[in-house]
Amino acid sequence: MDKKFRPVRVPIVLDPDVEEEYLKARTELEQTAEQLLSTASSRIRQARELAGDDEDARTAAGQAVVDEDTAQIARLTEAVAAADLALKDVTRQFMFRPLGRKAWKALVAANPPTEESHAVWAAEGNEGTAPWDEDGMARDLIAAACVSPKMTRDEVEHLFDDGDYSQGEIGLLWLGALQAQQTAGAI
């Protein structure tokens, strides 16, 4: 039986406005749910008191509060679900695979550390010498390990240098590609 590779997926949001709308919708749902839950008993008690002495009216008044809260949470949940779908539409999933030991060793050998690499390595608090030139290694590894979308080295260069992707997003892709080389099963 052939071994299946363990993919590492890295989502990158292509439209931050859509992401912001999703986060707003989720925050509104969470805050409203917390507020409704923390005040439910007092609001139900108040509604029951205002309904008078008729027990059926008191029960209906309390149930009306619960029903209103349930409807409000349902509307907000639907808004979050719609925002989540919109976010998925503008999110690119990068998928990385392990290369195998031979290809990994060849990439490391092709990207020997420079004096600058050693200085950055030490400045980050690491001990010893840098294992590779991080900039070259990141570009080569992303090109070699990314299976979706499949990218050439030139396309990776464009990704790094064209300005559309932030340093943080490039860092996430680099870490995803690196993680794919080091992931092992749980057993």
Protein backbone atom coordinates (compact mmCIF):
# COMPACT_ATOMS: atom_id res chain seq x y z
CA MET A 1 0.00 0.00 0.00
CA ASP A 2 1.36 3.41 -0.96
CA LYS A 3 1.72 5.99 1.80
CA LYS A 4 -0.55 9.00 1.58
CA PHE A 5 1.04 12.30 2.49
CA ARG A 6 -0.24 14.42 5.36
CA PRO A 7 -1.18 17.77 3.87
CA VAL A 8 -0.68 21.01 5.74
CA ARG A 9 -3.21 23.65 4.76
CA VAL A 10 -2.66 27.37 5.12
CA PRO A 11 -5.64 29.66 4.50
CA ILE A 12 -4.92 33.17 3.20
CA VAL A 13 -7.79 35.66 3.04
CA LEU A 14 -7.72 37.56 -0.25
CA ASP A 15 -10.24 40.27 0.76
CA PRO A 16 -9.77 41.71 4.26
CA ASP A 17 -13.09 43.61 4.05
CA VAL A 18 -14.98 40.32 3.86
CA GLU A 19 -12.94 38.99 6.77
CA GLU A 20 -13.80 42.10 8.79
CA GLU A 21 -17.52 41.61 8.12
CA TYR A 22 -17.25 37.99 9.27
CA LEU A 23 -15.48 39.02 12.47
CA LYS A 24 -18.09 41.71 13.15
CA ALA A 25 -20.95 39.25 12.65
CA ARG A 26 -19.33 36.67 14.91
CA THR A 27 -18.56 39.24 17.60
CA GLU A 28 -22.12 40.56 17.51
CA LEU A 29 -23.48 37.02 17.91
CA GLU A 30 -21.13 36.21 20.80
CA GLN A 31 -21.78 39.48 22.65
CA THR A 32 -25.54 39.33 22.14
CA ALA A 33 -25.73 35.70 23.26
CA GLU A 34 -23.71 36.50 26.37
CA GLN A 35 -25.87 39.54 27.17
CA LEU A 36 -29.15 37.68 26.60
CA LEU A 37 -28.01 34.72 28.67
CA SER A 38 -26.79 36.85 31.56
CA THR A 39 -30.06 38.83 31.71
CA ALA A 40 -32.55 36.12 30.77
CA SER A 41 -33.76 35.22 34.25
CA SER A 42 -34.39 38.83 35.29
CA ARG A 43 -36.14 39.66 32.00
CA ILE A 44 -38.32 36.54 32.26
CA ARG A 45 -39.14 37.33 35.90
CA GLN A 46 -40.05 40.93 34.98
CA ALA A 47 -42.25 39.80 32.06
CA ARG A 48 -44.03 37.30 34.32
CA GLU A 49 -44.63 39.97 36.99
CA LEU A 50 -46.07 42.40 34.43
CA ALA A 51 -48.46 39.70 33.19
CA GLY A 52 -50.41 39.78 36.44
CA ASP A 53 -51.77 36.91 38.52
CA ASP A 54 -53.04 34.61 35.75
CA GLU A 55 -50.58 31.73 35.63
CA ASP A 56 -51.20 31.04 31.93
CA ALA A 57 -50.49 34.70 31.11
CA ARG A 58 -47.37 34.60 33.27
CA THR A 59 -46.14 31.46 31.51
CA ALA A 60 -46.87 32.96 28.08
CA ALA A 61 -45.05 36.19 29.00
CA GLY A 62 -41.97 34.26 30.12
CA GLN A 63 -42.08 32.10 26.99
CA ALA A 64 -42.35 35.24 24.82
CA VAL A 65 -39.02 36.47 26.22
CA VAL A 66 -37.43 33.10 25.45
CA ASP A 67 -38.94 33.09 21.95
CA GLU A 68 -37.69 36.63 21.22
CA ASP A 69 -34.18 35.72 22.40
CA THR A 70 -34.23 32.54 20.32
CA ALA A 71 -35.31 34.45 17.21
CA GLN A 72 -32.63 37.09 17.73
CA ILE A 73 -29.92 34.45 18.14
CA ALA A 74 -31.21 32.62 15.05
CA ARG A 75 -31.00 35.82 12.95
CA LEU A 76 -27.46 36.51 14.15
CA THR A 77 -26.45 32.88 13.57
CA GLU A 78 -27.74 33.11 10.00
CA ALA A 79 -25.73 36.31 9.51
CA VAL A 80 -22.58 34.55 10.75
CA ALA A 81 -23.23 31.60 8.44
CA ALA A 82 -23.65 33.94 5.45
CA ALA A 83 -20.49 35.87 6.39
CA ASP A 84 -18.62 32.57 6.79
CA LEU A 85 -19.65 31.49 3.28
CA ALA A 86 -18.53 34.85 1.90
CA LEU A 87 -15.21 34.49 3.73
CA LYS A 88 -14.65 31.00 2.32
CA ASP A 89 -15.25 32.40 -1.17
CA VAL A 90 -12.36 34.87 -0.74
CA THR A 91 -9.96 32.54 1.06
CA ARG A 92 -7.27 30.68 -0.85
CA GLN A 93 -6.22 27.38 0.68
CA PHE A 94 -2.55 26.63 0.12
CA MET A 95 -1.77 22.93 0.60
CA PHE A 96 1.74 21.66 1.28
CA ARG A 97 3.17 18.15 1.20
CA PRO A 98 6.38 16.58 2.49
CA LEU A 99 9.14 16.28 -0.10
CA GLY A 100 10.98 13.26 1.22
CA ARG A 101 14.44 13.17 2.76
CA LYS A 102 16.45 13.27 -0.46
CA ALA A 103 14.65 16.33 -1.86
CA TRP A 104 14.75 18.01 1.56
CA LYS A 105 18.50 17.52 1.88
CA ALA A 106 18.99 18.86 -1.67
CA LEU A 107 17.03 22.02 -0.80
CA VAL A 108 19.04 22.56 2.37
CA ALA A 109 22.28 22.07 0.42
CA ALA A 110 21.10 24.52 -2.26
CA ASN A 111 20.46 27.23 0.36
CA PRO A 112 23.54 27.38 2.60
CA PRO A 113 23.43 29.98 5.36
CA THR A 114 25.02 33.36 4.74
CA GLU A 115 26.65 35.66 7.26
CA GLU A 116 23.37 37.59 7.31
CA SER A 117 21.49 34.35 8.02
CA HIS A 118 23.77 33.63 10.97
CA ALA A 119 23.32 37.19 12.31
CA VAL A 120 19.51 36.99 12.06
CA TRP A 121 19.55 33.52 13.63
CA ALA A 122 21.55 34.78 16.61
CA ALA A 123 19.47 37.98 16.91
CA GLU A 124 16.34 35.85 17.21
CA GLY A 125 17.88 34.13 20.23
CA ASN A 126 18.78 30.84 18.56
CA GLU A 127 21.93 28.97 19.47
CA GLY A 128 24.58 27.77 17.05
CA THR A 129 24.59 28.60 13.38
CA ALA A 130 21.69 29.13 11.01
CA PRO A 131 20.73 25.89 9.22
CA TRP A 132 20.09 27.64 5.86
CA ASP A 133 19.53 30.94 4.10
CA GLU A 134 15.94 31.48 5.16
CA ASP A 135 14.84 33.71 2.28
CA GLY A 136 16.09 31.37 -0.44
CA MET A 137 14.99 28.27 1.44
CA ALA A 138 11.48 29.67 1.98
CA ARG A 139 11.06 30.44 -1.72
CA ASP A 140 12.43 27.08 -2.86
CA LEU A 141 10.48 25.08 -0.30
CA ILE A 142 7.15 26.78 -1.04
CA ALA A 143 7.66 26.18 -4.78
CA ALA A 144 8.60 22.53 -4.22
CA ALA A 145 6.07 21.61 -1.51
CA CYS A 146 2.94 23.54 -2.50
CA VAL A 147 0.60 21.17 -4.32
CA SER A 148 -2.43 23.46 -4.35
CA PRO A 149 -2.17 25.86 -5.98
CA LYS A 150 0.80 24.39 -7.82
CA MET A 151 3.40 27.16 -8.18
CA THR A 152 6.64 27.53 -10.07
CA ARG A 153 9.65 29.24 -8.51
CA ASP A 154 8.86 32.32 -10.65
CA GLU A 155 5.31 32.40 -9.30
CA VAL A 156 6.65 32.15 -5.76
CA GLU A 157 9.05 35.03 -6.51
CA HIS A 158 6.06 37.09 -7.66
CA LEU A 159 4.14 36.12 -4.51
CA PHE A 160 7.05 37.26 -2.32
CA ASP A 161 7.91 40.44 -4.18
CA ASP A 162 4.77 41.90 -5.77
CA GLY A 163 3.43 43.45 -2.57
CA ASP A 164 -0.02 41.82 -2.50
CA TYR A 165 0.97 39.39 0.25
CA SER A 166 2.10 40.73 3.59
CA GLN A 167 5.22 39.60 5.41
CA GLY A 168 2.93 37.81 7.88
CA GLU A 169 1.15 35.91 5.10
CA ILE A 170 4.47 34.96 3.49
CA GLY A 171 5.59 33.79 6.93
CA LEU A 172 2.48 31.61 7.29
CA LEU A 173 3.17 29.99 3.91
CA TRP A 174 6.82 29.39 4.86
CA LEU A 175 5.80 27.85 8.18
CA GLY A 176 3.17 25.68 6.48
CA ALA A 177 5.71 24.38 3.95
CA LEU A 178 8.21 23.75 6.75
CA GLN A 179 5.61 22.05 8.96
CA ALA A 180 4.74 19.67 6.10
CA GLN A 181 8.35 18.47 6.18
CA GLN A 182 8.26 17.78 9.91
CA THR A 183 4.74 16.42 10.49
CA ALA A 184 4.41 12.90 11.79
CA GLY A 185 1.47 10.72 12.71
CA ALA A 186 0.03 10.46 16.20
CA ILE A 187 0.82 6.76 16.57
